[in-house]
N, C-alpha and C. Protein backbone atom coordinates (compact mmCIF):
# COMPACT_ATOMS: atom_id res chain seq x y z
N MET A 1 -43.77 -0.23 55.27
CA MET A 1 -43.90 -1.47 54.55
C MET A 1 -45.38 -1.73 54.31
N CYS A 2 -45.71 -2.16 53.16
CA CYS A 2 -47.09 -2.47 52.79
C CYS A 2 -47.39 -3.91 53.20
N THR A 3 -48.32 -4.09 54.13
CA THR A 3 -48.61 -5.44 54.64
C THR A 3 -49.92 -6.00 54.11
N GLY A 4 -50.56 -5.28 53.21
CA GLY A 4 -51.79 -5.78 52.62
C GLY A 4 -52.14 -4.99 51.37
N ILE A 5 -52.86 -5.65 50.46
CA ILE A 5 -53.37 -4.97 49.28
C ILE A 5 -54.82 -5.38 49.07
N ALA A 6 -55.53 -4.57 48.29
CA ALA A 6 -56.89 -4.90 47.89
C ALA A 6 -56.98 -4.74 46.38
N LEU A 7 -57.71 -5.65 45.75
CA LEU A 7 -57.91 -5.64 44.31
C LEU A 7 -59.38 -5.89 44.05
N ALA A 8 -59.98 -5.12 43.16
CA ALA A 8 -61.39 -5.29 42.83
C ALA A 8 -61.64 -6.73 42.39
N SER A 9 -62.70 -7.33 42.90
CA SER A 9 -63.04 -8.72 42.57
C SER A 9 -63.16 -8.91 41.07
N SER A 10 -63.64 -7.89 40.38
CA SER A 10 -63.84 -7.99 38.94
C SER A 10 -62.53 -8.12 38.17
N GLU A 11 -61.41 -7.83 38.80
CA GLU A 11 -60.11 -7.93 38.13
C GLU A 11 -59.48 -9.31 38.26
N LEU A 12 -60.12 -10.20 39.01
CA LEU A 12 -59.60 -11.56 39.18
C LEU A 12 -60.49 -12.54 38.42
N PRO A 13 -59.90 -13.37 37.57
CA PRO A 13 -60.70 -14.38 36.88
C PRO A 13 -61.40 -15.32 37.86
N VAL A 14 -62.60 -15.73 37.52
CA VAL A 14 -63.39 -16.62 38.38
C VAL A 14 -62.63 -17.90 38.69
N GLU A 15 -61.93 -18.46 37.69
CA GLU A 15 -61.20 -19.72 37.91
C GLU A 15 -60.08 -19.56 38.94
N LEU A 16 -59.38 -18.41 38.93
CA LEU A 16 -58.34 -18.18 39.94
C LEU A 16 -58.96 -18.03 41.33
N THR A 17 -60.08 -17.32 41.39
CA THR A 17 -60.77 -17.11 42.66
C THR A 17 -61.19 -18.45 43.25
N ARG A 18 -61.72 -19.32 42.42
CA ARG A 18 -62.18 -20.64 42.89
C ARG A 18 -60.99 -21.54 43.26
N LEU A 19 -60.00 -21.60 42.37
CA LEU A 19 -58.84 -22.47 42.57
C LEU A 19 -58.09 -22.16 43.86
N HIS A 20 -57.97 -20.87 44.19
CA HIS A 20 -57.19 -20.45 45.37
C HIS A 20 -58.07 -20.06 46.56
N ARG A 21 -59.35 -20.40 46.48
CA ARG A 21 -60.30 -20.15 47.58
C ARG A 21 -60.27 -18.68 48.03
N LEU A 22 -60.30 -17.78 47.07
CA LEU A 22 -60.21 -16.36 47.37
C LEU A 22 -61.53 -15.76 47.82
N THR A 23 -62.64 -16.50 47.67
CA THR A 23 -63.93 -15.97 48.12
C THR A 23 -63.90 -15.70 49.63
N GLU A 24 -63.04 -16.40 50.36
CA GLU A 24 -62.90 -16.18 51.80
C GLU A 24 -62.23 -14.84 52.11
N ARG A 25 -61.66 -14.20 51.08
CA ARG A 25 -60.95 -12.93 51.26
C ARG A 25 -61.72 -11.75 50.67
N VAL A 26 -62.97 -11.98 50.29
CA VAL A 26 -63.77 -10.93 49.67
C VAL A 26 -64.39 -10.04 50.74
N TYR A 27 -64.23 -8.73 50.55
CA TYR A 27 -64.79 -7.73 51.47
C TYR A 27 -65.60 -6.73 50.66
N ASP A 28 -66.54 -6.09 51.32
CA ASP A 28 -67.34 -5.06 50.69
C ASP A 28 -66.84 -3.70 51.17
N ARG A 29 -66.44 -2.87 50.22
CA ARG A 29 -65.99 -1.51 50.55
C ARG A 29 -66.95 -0.55 49.83
N GLU A 30 -67.87 0.00 50.60
CA GLU A 30 -68.84 0.96 50.07
C GLU A 30 -69.57 0.42 48.84
N GLY A 31 -70.03 -0.83 48.93
CA GLY A 31 -70.81 -1.42 47.86
C GLY A 31 -70.00 -2.03 46.73
N ARG A 32 -68.70 -2.03 46.86
CA ARG A 32 -67.83 -2.61 45.83
C ARG A 32 -67.05 -3.77 46.42
N GLU A 33 -67.14 -4.93 45.78
CA GLU A 33 -66.42 -6.09 46.28
C GLU A 33 -64.94 -6.02 45.92
N GLU A 34 -64.11 -6.35 46.89
CA GLU A 34 -62.67 -6.42 46.66
C GLU A 34 -62.12 -7.66 47.35
N VAL A 35 -61.01 -8.13 46.83
CA VAL A 35 -60.31 -9.25 47.45
C VAL A 35 -59.09 -8.67 48.15
N GLN A 36 -58.95 -9.00 49.42
CA GLN A 36 -57.82 -8.47 50.19
C GLN A 36 -56.79 -9.58 50.43
N PHE A 37 -55.54 -9.20 50.32
CA PHE A 37 -54.41 -10.09 50.54
C PHE A 37 -53.55 -9.45 51.63
N HIS A 38 -53.42 -10.15 52.77
CA HIS A 38 -52.66 -9.62 53.91
C HIS A 38 -51.52 -10.57 54.28
N TRP A 39 -50.46 -10.00 54.80
CA TRP A 39 -49.29 -10.79 55.24
C TRP A 39 -49.69 -11.79 56.32
N TRP A 40 -50.65 -11.48 57.16
CA TRP A 40 -51.03 -12.35 58.27
C TRP A 40 -51.95 -13.50 57.85
N GLN A 41 -52.50 -13.46 56.64
CA GLN A 41 -53.41 -14.51 56.20
C GLN A 41 -52.66 -15.79 55.86
N VAL A 42 -53.36 -16.91 56.01
CA VAL A 42 -52.79 -18.21 55.64
C VAL A 42 -53.72 -18.85 54.62
N PRO A 43 -53.23 -19.23 53.46
CA PRO A 43 -51.85 -19.06 53.01
C PRO A 43 -51.57 -17.61 52.65
N THR A 44 -50.32 -17.23 52.75
CA THR A 44 -49.89 -15.87 52.43
C THR A 44 -49.57 -15.83 50.94
N VAL A 45 -50.47 -15.21 50.18
CA VAL A 45 -50.33 -15.17 48.72
C VAL A 45 -50.61 -13.77 48.19
N LEU A 46 -50.18 -13.54 46.96
CA LEU A 46 -50.44 -12.27 46.27
C LEU A 46 -50.79 -12.55 44.81
N PRO A 47 -51.63 -11.68 44.23
CA PRO A 47 -51.83 -11.78 42.78
C PRO A 47 -50.61 -11.17 42.08
N VAL A 48 -50.22 -11.75 40.96
CA VAL A 48 -49.01 -11.32 40.26
C VAL A 48 -49.25 -11.39 38.76
N ARG A 49 -48.86 -10.34 38.05
CA ARG A 49 -48.82 -10.39 36.59
C ARG A 49 -47.41 -10.82 36.21
N ARG A 50 -47.35 -12.02 35.61
CA ARG A 50 -46.05 -12.61 35.28
C ARG A 50 -46.15 -13.33 33.94
N ASN A 51 -45.22 -13.06 33.08
CA ASN A 51 -45.20 -13.70 31.76
C ASN A 51 -46.54 -13.56 31.03
N GLY A 52 -47.14 -12.40 31.15
CA GLY A 52 -48.38 -12.13 30.43
C GLY A 52 -49.64 -12.73 31.03
N ARG A 53 -49.53 -13.33 32.22
CA ARG A 53 -50.71 -13.92 32.85
C ARG A 53 -50.81 -13.48 34.30
N LEU A 54 -52.05 -13.54 34.78
CA LEU A 54 -52.30 -13.26 36.20
C LEU A 54 -52.20 -14.57 36.96
N GLN A 55 -51.39 -14.60 38.00
CA GLN A 55 -51.19 -15.79 38.82
C GLN A 55 -51.33 -15.43 40.28
N ILE A 56 -51.58 -16.43 41.10
CA ILE A 56 -51.57 -16.27 42.56
C ILE A 56 -50.33 -17.03 43.04
N LEU A 57 -49.41 -16.30 43.66
CA LEU A 57 -48.15 -16.91 44.11
C LEU A 57 -47.96 -16.74 45.60
N PRO A 58 -47.19 -17.65 46.22
CA PRO A 58 -46.83 -17.46 47.63
C PRO A 58 -46.07 -16.16 47.81
N TRP A 59 -46.37 -15.47 48.90
CA TRP A 59 -45.75 -14.17 49.20
C TRP A 59 -44.61 -14.38 50.18
N GLY A 60 -43.39 -14.34 49.70
CA GLY A 60 -42.21 -14.45 50.55
C GLY A 60 -42.17 -15.73 51.35
N THR A 61 -41.47 -15.68 52.47
CA THR A 61 -41.38 -16.83 53.36
C THR A 61 -41.39 -16.38 54.81
N LYS A 62 -42.02 -17.19 55.63
CA LYS A 62 -42.05 -16.91 57.07
C LYS A 62 -41.08 -17.81 57.83
N TYR A 63 -40.24 -18.53 57.07
CA TYR A 63 -39.24 -19.41 57.68
C TYR A 63 -37.89 -18.72 57.70
N ARG A 64 -37.28 -18.68 58.87
CA ARG A 64 -36.00 -17.99 59.00
C ARG A 64 -34.84 -18.82 58.48
N ARG A 65 -35.03 -20.12 58.35
CA ARG A 65 -33.96 -20.97 57.84
C ARG A 65 -34.33 -21.44 56.45
N GLY A 66 -33.45 -21.23 55.54
CA GLY A 66 -33.69 -21.63 54.16
C GLY A 66 -32.98 -20.70 53.20
N PRO A 67 -33.09 -20.99 51.93
CA PRO A 67 -32.34 -20.22 50.94
C PRO A 67 -32.94 -18.84 50.64
N LEU A 68 -34.21 -18.63 50.97
CA LEU A 68 -34.87 -17.37 50.65
C LEU A 68 -34.80 -16.38 51.81
N PRO A 69 -34.81 -15.09 51.50
CA PRO A 69 -34.82 -14.09 52.58
C PRO A 69 -36.12 -14.18 53.37
N TYR A 70 -36.03 -14.02 54.68
CA TYR A 70 -37.20 -14.02 55.55
C TYR A 70 -38.06 -12.80 55.26
N GLY A 71 -39.36 -12.98 55.22
CA GLY A 71 -40.30 -11.88 55.02
C GLY A 71 -40.89 -11.87 53.63
N GLY A 72 -41.61 -10.81 53.32
CA GLY A 72 -42.28 -10.70 52.04
C GLY A 72 -41.81 -9.50 51.24
N TRP A 73 -40.74 -8.86 51.69
CA TRP A 73 -40.26 -7.64 51.08
C TRP A 73 -38.76 -7.71 50.89
N VAL A 74 -38.30 -7.07 49.84
CA VAL A 74 -36.87 -7.02 49.61
C VAL A 74 -36.56 -5.66 48.98
N SER A 75 -35.47 -5.09 49.39
CA SER A 75 -35.05 -3.78 48.90
C SER A 75 -34.65 -3.85 47.43
N LEU A 76 -35.07 -2.87 46.68
CA LEU A 76 -34.68 -2.77 45.27
C LEU A 76 -33.16 -2.73 45.16
N ASP A 77 -32.49 -2.02 46.06
CA ASP A 77 -31.03 -1.95 46.05
C ASP A 77 -30.39 -3.31 46.27
N HIS A 78 -30.97 -4.13 47.16
CA HIS A 78 -30.42 -5.46 47.41
C HIS A 78 -30.53 -6.35 46.17
N VAL A 79 -31.64 -6.22 45.45
CA VAL A 79 -31.80 -7.00 44.22
C VAL A 79 -30.77 -6.56 43.19
N ARG A 80 -30.60 -5.25 43.05
CA ARG A 80 -29.61 -4.72 42.11
C ARG A 80 -28.19 -5.13 42.49
N ASP A 81 -27.95 -5.26 43.81
CA ASP A 81 -26.61 -5.63 44.29
C ASP A 81 -26.37 -7.13 44.27
N GLY A 82 -27.32 -7.92 43.77
CA GLY A 82 -27.10 -9.36 43.61
C GLY A 82 -27.56 -10.23 44.76
N LEU A 83 -28.58 -9.81 45.51
CA LEU A 83 -29.08 -10.62 46.62
C LEU A 83 -29.44 -12.04 46.15
N PHE A 84 -29.99 -12.14 44.97
CA PHE A 84 -30.42 -13.45 44.46
C PHE A 84 -29.43 -13.99 43.44
N THR A 85 -28.18 -14.09 43.82
CA THR A 85 -27.16 -14.58 42.89
C THR A 85 -27.40 -16.05 42.54
N HIS A 86 -28.05 -16.78 43.42
CA HIS A 86 -28.33 -18.19 43.17
C HIS A 86 -29.53 -18.39 42.25
N ALA A 87 -30.27 -17.33 41.96
CA ALA A 87 -31.45 -17.42 41.10
C ALA A 87 -31.58 -16.12 40.32
N THR A 88 -32.27 -16.20 39.22
CA THR A 88 -32.52 -14.99 38.43
C THR A 88 -33.90 -14.47 38.79
N PRO A 89 -33.96 -13.31 39.46
CA PRO A 89 -35.27 -12.77 39.81
C PRO A 89 -36.02 -12.32 38.56
N ASP A 90 -37.29 -12.65 38.52
CA ASP A 90 -38.16 -12.31 37.40
C ASP A 90 -39.01 -11.11 37.82
N GLU A 91 -38.88 -9.98 37.12
CA GLU A 91 -39.66 -8.81 37.47
C GLU A 91 -41.14 -9.07 37.23
N VAL A 92 -41.97 -8.68 38.21
CA VAL A 92 -43.41 -8.88 38.12
C VAL A 92 -44.11 -7.61 38.60
N VAL A 93 -45.41 -7.56 38.34
CA VAL A 93 -46.25 -6.49 38.87
C VAL A 93 -47.31 -7.13 39.75
N ILE A 94 -47.46 -6.58 40.94
CA ILE A 94 -48.51 -7.00 41.87
C ILE A 94 -49.66 -6.02 41.68
N PRO A 95 -50.73 -6.43 40.97
CA PRO A 95 -51.82 -5.48 40.73
C PRO A 95 -52.55 -5.17 42.03
N ALA A 96 -52.88 -3.91 42.22
CA ALA A 96 -53.57 -3.51 43.45
C ALA A 96 -54.28 -2.18 43.22
N ASN A 97 -55.43 -2.01 43.86
CA ASN A 97 -56.15 -0.74 43.86
C ASN A 97 -55.87 0.04 45.14
N LEU A 98 -55.57 -0.70 46.21
CA LEU A 98 -55.29 -0.11 47.52
C LEU A 98 -54.17 -0.87 48.18
N GLY A 99 -53.42 -0.17 49.02
CA GLY A 99 -52.40 -0.80 49.85
C GLY A 99 -52.69 -0.47 51.30
N GLN A 100 -52.15 -1.29 52.21
CA GLN A 100 -52.38 -1.04 53.63
C GLN A 100 -51.06 -1.11 54.39
N HIS A 101 -50.93 -0.18 55.34
CA HIS A 101 -49.79 -0.18 56.24
C HIS A 101 -50.30 0.26 57.61
N LYS A 102 -50.16 -0.60 58.61
CA LYS A 102 -50.60 -0.30 59.99
C LYS A 102 -52.02 0.26 60.04
N GLY A 103 -52.92 -0.34 59.28
CA GLY A 103 -54.32 0.06 59.32
C GLY A 103 -54.69 1.22 58.43
N THR A 104 -53.70 1.87 57.82
CA THR A 104 -53.97 2.98 56.91
C THR A 104 -54.01 2.45 55.48
N TRP A 105 -55.16 2.67 54.80
CA TRP A 105 -55.29 2.29 53.40
C TRP A 105 -54.93 3.48 52.53
N PHE A 106 -54.24 3.22 51.41
CA PHE A 106 -53.87 4.28 50.47
C PHE A 106 -54.10 3.79 49.04
N LEU A 107 -54.37 4.74 48.13
CA LEU A 107 -54.66 4.41 46.74
C LEU A 107 -53.42 3.99 45.98
N ILE A 108 -53.59 3.01 45.12
CA ILE A 108 -52.55 2.56 44.21
C ILE A 108 -53.14 2.61 42.81
N THR A 109 -52.47 3.26 41.88
CA THR A 109 -53.05 3.43 40.55
C THR A 109 -52.89 2.20 39.66
N GLU A 110 -51.70 1.59 39.63
CA GLU A 110 -51.49 0.43 38.77
C GLU A 110 -51.07 -0.82 39.53
N GLY A 111 -50.15 -0.66 40.43
CA GLY A 111 -49.66 -1.82 41.15
C GLY A 111 -48.32 -1.54 41.82
N ILE A 112 -47.76 -2.61 42.32
CA ILE A 112 -46.48 -2.57 43.02
C ILE A 112 -45.51 -3.47 42.27
N LYS A 113 -44.26 -3.01 42.15
CA LYS A 113 -43.25 -3.85 41.51
C LYS A 113 -42.79 -4.93 42.47
N GLY A 114 -42.50 -6.08 41.90
CA GLY A 114 -42.03 -7.20 42.71
C GLY A 114 -41.07 -8.06 41.93
N VAL A 115 -40.56 -9.08 42.60
CA VAL A 115 -39.72 -10.08 41.95
C VAL A 115 -40.23 -11.46 42.32
N ALA A 116 -40.24 -12.34 41.33
CA ALA A 116 -40.57 -13.74 41.56
C ALA A 116 -39.27 -14.53 41.50
N ILE A 117 -39.10 -15.41 42.46
CA ILE A 117 -37.90 -16.24 42.55
C ILE A 117 -38.33 -17.69 42.40
N GLU A 118 -37.71 -18.40 41.48
CA GLU A 118 -38.02 -19.82 41.30
C GLU A 118 -37.38 -20.64 42.41
N THR A 119 -38.17 -21.52 43.00
CA THR A 119 -37.68 -22.45 44.03
C THR A 119 -38.07 -23.86 43.60
N ARG A 120 -37.63 -24.83 44.34
CA ARG A 120 -38.01 -26.23 44.05
C ARG A 120 -39.51 -26.41 44.11
N GLY A 121 -40.15 -25.66 45.01
CA GLY A 121 -41.59 -25.77 45.18
C GLY A 121 -42.40 -24.86 44.27
N GLY A 122 -41.72 -24.11 43.39
CA GLY A 122 -42.40 -23.18 42.51
C GLY A 122 -42.01 -21.75 42.83
N PRO A 123 -42.54 -20.80 42.08
CA PRO A 123 -42.14 -19.40 42.28
C PRO A 123 -42.69 -18.81 43.57
N VAL A 124 -41.93 -17.87 44.13
CA VAL A 124 -42.30 -17.11 45.33
C VAL A 124 -42.11 -15.65 44.98
N VAL A 125 -43.05 -14.78 45.42
CA VAL A 125 -42.98 -13.36 45.08
C VAL A 125 -42.62 -12.52 46.31
N TYR A 126 -41.83 -11.49 46.06
CA TYR A 126 -41.48 -10.49 47.07
C TYR A 126 -41.86 -9.12 46.55
N MET A 127 -42.39 -8.25 47.43
CA MET A 127 -42.61 -6.86 47.07
C MET A 127 -41.27 -6.15 47.11
N LEU A 128 -41.04 -5.28 46.14
CA LEU A 128 -39.83 -4.46 46.16
C LEU A 128 -40.08 -3.22 47.00
N THR A 129 -39.07 -2.80 47.75
CA THR A 129 -39.18 -1.60 48.58
C THR A 129 -38.05 -0.64 48.25
N GLU A 130 -38.28 0.62 48.64
CA GLU A 130 -37.29 1.67 48.50
C GLU A 130 -37.45 2.62 49.68
N PRO A 131 -36.51 3.53 49.91
CA PRO A 131 -36.67 4.48 51.01
C PRO A 131 -37.99 5.26 50.86
N ALA A 132 -38.67 5.44 51.97
CA ALA A 132 -39.98 6.09 51.96
C ALA A 132 -39.87 7.58 51.67
N SER A 133 -40.84 8.08 50.93
CA SER A 133 -40.95 9.52 50.71
C SER A 133 -41.43 10.16 52.01
N ASN A 134 -41.26 11.46 52.12
CA ASN A 134 -41.72 12.17 53.30
C ASN A 134 -43.22 11.96 53.50
N TYR A 135 -43.99 12.05 52.42
CA TYR A 135 -45.44 11.88 52.50
C TYR A 135 -45.79 10.47 53.02
N TYR A 136 -45.14 9.45 52.47
CA TYR A 136 -45.41 8.07 52.89
C TYR A 136 -45.05 7.89 54.37
N ARG A 137 -43.91 8.44 54.79
CA ARG A 137 -43.51 8.34 56.20
C ARG A 137 -44.58 8.96 57.10
N ASN A 138 -45.07 10.14 56.75
CA ASN A 138 -46.10 10.80 57.57
C ASN A 138 -47.41 10.02 57.57
N MET A 139 -47.75 9.44 56.44
CA MET A 139 -49.00 8.70 56.30
C MET A 139 -48.96 7.38 57.09
N THR A 140 -47.79 6.80 57.26
CA THR A 140 -47.67 5.46 57.83
C THR A 140 -46.92 5.43 59.17
N GLU A 141 -47.00 6.49 59.91
CA GLU A 141 -46.36 6.53 61.23
C GLU A 141 -44.85 6.29 61.15
N GLN A 142 -44.22 6.94 60.17
CA GLN A 142 -42.76 6.98 60.03
C GLN A 142 -42.12 5.69 59.52
N SER A 143 -42.79 4.97 58.65
CA SER A 143 -42.17 3.80 58.04
C SER A 143 -40.95 4.24 57.23
N PRO A 144 -39.80 3.60 57.41
CA PRO A 144 -38.60 4.01 56.68
C PRO A 144 -38.60 3.55 55.22
N VAL A 145 -39.43 2.56 54.87
CA VAL A 145 -39.48 2.06 53.49
C VAL A 145 -40.91 2.05 52.98
N MET A 146 -41.02 2.05 51.65
CA MET A 146 -42.33 1.97 51.02
C MET A 146 -42.21 1.06 49.79
N PRO A 147 -43.34 0.60 49.27
CA PRO A 147 -43.29 -0.23 48.06
C PRO A 147 -42.79 0.59 46.87
N VAL A 148 -42.23 -0.11 45.89
CA VAL A 148 -41.88 0.52 44.63
C VAL A 148 -43.13 0.45 43.77
N PHE A 149 -43.75 1.58 43.53
CA PHE A 149 -45.01 1.64 42.78
C PHE A 149 -44.74 1.68 41.29
N VAL A 150 -45.69 1.18 40.50
CA VAL A 150 -45.63 1.24 39.06
C VAL A 150 -46.15 2.59 38.61
N ASP A 151 -45.31 3.41 38.02
CA ASP A 151 -45.69 4.73 37.47
C ASP A 151 -46.50 5.57 38.44
N GLN A 152 -46.09 5.63 39.69
CA GLN A 152 -46.80 6.42 40.70
C GLN A 152 -45.80 6.93 41.71
N VAL A 153 -46.00 8.16 42.15
CA VAL A 153 -45.17 8.76 43.19
C VAL A 153 -46.08 9.14 44.35
N ILE A 154 -45.71 8.71 45.54
CA ILE A 154 -46.45 9.07 46.75
C ILE A 154 -45.55 9.92 47.61
């Protein structure tokens, strides 16, 4: 499971960075600034390309009671099987240059597929997952699932 992503600072509009206080998430990686989004951070948010715009949305839910699935990830098969029958999931792309799993960073060429679910409080995004490839399992200490990447095979 991917528990963090990094996106080059230059790919985020200044107004989004200011509005969502993302400067607190800026890190330097070999002289290049990136904004990191981790599941453990508060607030737990992700950048999302949705309806032709880049937005910062809440990432899943950490509440076990409620209408949404607990966590920040949902299986592609569960979405196809109607997990969100009470809502219409909106396909989105989570732009990322790097992903992280258990401390291991890996390259991402375009992004990760996700779904945004409308709630009373606004949209919430989940990363889509699928069974892990052999390479991903070896790279991540045997994770059984991996993100659904946009036009990329790991």
